[in-house]
Amino acid sequence: MADLSRNTHSVRHFSLAEREEIRVGLAGGASLRAVAAKLGRNVSSVSREVARNGGRDAYRAHVADERAWRTSRRPRDPKLLVTIGCAPWSRRSSS
């Protein structure tokens, strides 16, 4: 069963479905340019995705997606909120 607790990536990032399309294209011998055209993505984006995840011969969509989730930046509170009294909207008492 899929992990429904996950948030989705931004549209700037490859989805698991897009990564599967890349895998299928590479397995079928398609060029990176052809795969990128099919996805409607820039060829350099597809090239970087494949290179960072094992290359043409070792690319695995599921592994690439897990790695993307594992290494993505996690949301955090803005520094002004966590530093006491530094938020511009905070009213420090003058006493």
C-alpha atoms as a PDB file:
ATOM      1  CA  MET A   1       0.000   0.000   0.000  1.00  0.00           C
ATOM      2  CA  ALA A   2       1.279   3.494  -0.810  1.00  0.00           C
ATOM      3  CA  ASP A   3       2.444   5.772   1.974  1.00  0.00           C
ATOM      4  CA  LEU A   4      -0.321   8.390   1.990  1.00  0.00           C
ATOM      5  CA  SER A   5       1.294  10.378   4.793  1.00  0.00           C
ATOM      6  CA  ARG A   6       3.831  11.820   2.357  1.00  0.00           C
ATOM      7  CA  ASN A   7       3.337  15.242   0.913  1.00  0.00           C
ATOM      8  CA  THR A   8       3.815  15.605  -2.809  1.00  0.00           C
ATOM      9  CA  HIS A   9       6.897  17.132  -4.331  1.00  0.00           C
ATOM     10  CA  SER A  10       6.742  20.476  -6.046  1.00  0.00           C
ATOM     11  CA  VAL A  11       5.943  20.357  -9.755  1.00  0.00           C
ATOM     12  CA  ARG A  12       9.581  21.331 -10.309  1.00  0.00           C
ATOM     13  CA  HIS A  13      10.651  17.903  -9.053  1.00  0.00           C
ATOM     14  CA  PHE A  14      10.185  14.611 -10.850  1.00  0.00           C
ATOM     15  CA  SER A  15       7.278  12.501  -9.657  1.00  0.00           C
ATOM     16  CA  LEU A  16       7.553   8.739  -9.270  1.00  0.00           C
ATOM     17  CA  ALA A  17       5.467   8.352 -12.453  1.00  0.00           C
ATOM     18  CA  GLU A  18       7.911  10.567 -14.377  1.00  0.00           C
ATOM     19  CA  ARG A  19      10.840   8.594 -12.985  1.00  0.00           C
ATOM     20  CA  GLU A  20       9.158   5.390 -14.168  1.00  0.00           C
ATOM     21  CA  GLU A  21       8.807   6.926 -17.648  1.00  0.00           C
ATOM     22  CA  ILE A  22      12.525   7.715 -17.593  1.00  0.00           C
ATOM     23  CA  ARG A  23      13.308   4.128 -16.557  1.00  0.00           C
ATOM     24  CA  VAL A  24      11.112   2.665 -19.291  1.00  0.00           C
ATOM     25  CA  GLY A  25      12.606   4.981 -21.892  1.00  0.00           C
ATOM     26  CA  LEU A  26      16.173   4.110 -20.893  1.00  0.00           C
ATOM     27  CA  ALA A  27      15.387   0.390 -20.832  1.00  0.00           C
ATOM     28  CA  GLY A  28      13.898   0.701 -24.310  1.00  0.00           C
ATOM     29  CA  GLY A  29      17.039   2.373 -25.625  1.00  0.00           C
ATOM     30  CA  ALA A  30      15.495   5.833 -26.087  1.00  0.00           C
ATOM     31  CA  SER A  31      17.753   8.866 -26.016  1.00  0.00           C
ATOM     32  CA  LEU A  32      17.616  11.294 -23.122  1.00  0.00           C
ATOM     33  CA  ARG A  33      16.304  13.883 -25.589  1.00  0.00           C
ATOM     34  CA  ALA A  34      13.406  11.597 -26.573  1.00  0.00           C
ATOM     35  CA  VAL A  35      12.579  10.832 -22.939  1.00  0.00           C
ATOM     36  CA  ALA A  36      12.661  14.536 -22.067  1.00  0.00           C
ATOM     37  CA  ALA A  37      10.387  15.380 -24.998  1.00  0.00           C
ATOM     38  CA  LYS A  38       7.884  12.729 -23.944  1.00  0.00           C
ATOM     39  CA  LEU A  39       7.806  14.152 -20.402  1.00  0.00           C
ATOM     40  CA  GLY A  40       7.746  17.761 -21.548  1.00  0.00           C
ATOM     41  CA  ARG A  41      10.901  18.432 -19.535  1.00  0.00           C
ATOM     42  CA  ASN A  42      14.245  19.983 -20.386  1.00  0.00           C
ATOM     43  CA  VAL A  43      16.816  17.429 -21.549  1.00  0.00           C
ATOM     44  CA  SER A  44      19.363  18.747 -19.042  1.00  0.00           C
ATOM     45  CA  SER A  45      16.948  18.048 -16.156  1.00  0.00           C
ATOM     46  CA  VAL A  46      16.498  14.454 -17.292  1.00  0.00           C
ATOM     47  CA  SER A  47      20.239  14.089 -17.824  1.00  0.00           C
ATOM     48  CA  ARG A  48      20.999  15.322 -14.278  1.00  0.00           C
ATOM     49  CA  GLU A  49      18.321  13.027 -12.822  1.00  0.00           C
ATOM     50  CA  VAL A  50      19.821   9.992 -14.559  1.00  0.00           C
ATOM     51  CA  ALA A  51      23.423  10.944 -13.721  1.00  0.00           C
ATOM     52  CA  ARG A  52      22.742  11.491 -10.010  1.00  0.00           C
ATOM     53  CA  ASN A  53      20.933   8.174  -9.738  1.00  0.00           C
ATOM     54  CA  GLY A  54      23.271   5.625 -11.262  1.00  0.00           C
ATOM     55  CA  GLY A  55      23.488   6.493 -14.953  1.00  0.00           C
ATOM     56  CA  ARG A  56      21.784   4.913 -17.952  1.00  0.00           C
ATOM     57  CA  ASP A  57      22.634   1.332 -17.009  1.00  0.00           C
ATOM     58  CA  ALA A  58      21.810   1.469 -13.297  1.00  0.00           C
ATOM     59  CA  TYR A  59      18.878   3.956 -13.094  1.00  0.00           C
ATOM     60  CA  ARG A  60      16.024   2.688 -10.903  1.00  0.00           C
ATOM     61  CA  ALA A  61      12.944   4.890 -10.540  1.00  0.00           C
ATOM     62  CA  HIS A  62      11.913   3.692  -7.090  1.00  0.00           C
ATOM     63  CA  VAL A  63      15.437   4.063  -5.692  1.00  0.00           C
ATOM     64  CA  ALA A  64      15.718   7.540  -7.220  1.00  0.00           C
ATOM     65  CA  ASP A  65      12.388   8.593  -5.712  1.00  0.00           C
ATOM     66  CA  GLU A  66      13.298   7.273  -2.254  1.00  0.00           C
ATOM     67  CA  ARG A  67      16.613   9.116  -2.427  1.00  0.00           C
ATOM     68  CA  ALA A  68      14.866  12.346  -3.442  1.00  0.00           C
ATOM     69  CA  TRP A  69      12.515  12.129  -0.452  1.00  0.00           C
ATOM     70  CA  ARG A  70      15.326  11.212   1.924  1.00  0.00           C
ATOM     71  CA  THR A  71      17.593  14.072   0.903  1.00  0.00           C
ATOM     72  CA  SER A  72      14.970  16.781   0.393  1.00  0.00           C
ATOM     73  CA  ARG A  73      15.023  19.766   2.695  1.00  0.00           C
ATOM     74  CA  ARG A  74      12.551  19.575   5.506  1.00  0.00           C
ATOM     75  CA  PRO A  75      10.419  22.572   6.423  1.00  0.00           C
ATOM     76  CA  ARG A  76      11.601  24.513   9.424  1.00  0.00           C
ATOM     77  CA  ASP A  77      10.518  27.587  11.314  1.00  0.00           C
ATOM     78  CA  PRO A  78      11.950  30.880  10.089  1.00  0.00           C
ATOM     79  CA  LYS A  79      14.886  32.053  12.155  1.00  0.00           C
ATOM     80  CA  LEU A  80      13.056  35.244  13.169  1.00  0.00           C
ATOM     81  CA  LEU A  81      10.332  33.166  14.781  1.00  0.00           C
ATOM     82  CA  VAL A  82      12.671  31.015  16.825  1.00  0.00           C
ATOM     83  CA  THR A  83      14.990  33.812  17.964  1.00  0.00           C
ATOM     84  CA  ILE A  84      13.271  35.482  20.872  1.00  0.00           C
ATOM     85  CA  GLY A  85      12.287  39.084  20.254  1.00  0.00           C
ATOM     86  CA  CYS A  86      13.719  39.343  16.744  1.00  0.00           C
ATOM     87  CA  ALA A  87      10.497  39.101  14.808  1.00  0.00           C
ATOM     88  CA  PRO A  88       9.562  42.551  13.471  1.00  0.00           C
ATOM     89  CA  TRP A  89       5.991  42.129  14.713  1.00  0.00           C
ATOM     90  CA  SER A  90       6.987  41.272  18.279  1.00  0.00           C
ATOM     91  CA  ARG A  91       6.490  44.013  20.869  1.00  0.00           C
ATOM     92  CA  ARG A  92       9.195  43.947  23.462  1.00  0.00           C
ATOM     93  CA  SER A  93       8.254  45.625  26.673  1.00  0.00           C
ATOM     94  CA  SER A  94      10.522  48.506  27.636  1.00  0.00           C
ATOM     95  CA  SER A  95      10.407  47.692  31.342  1.00  0.00           C
END
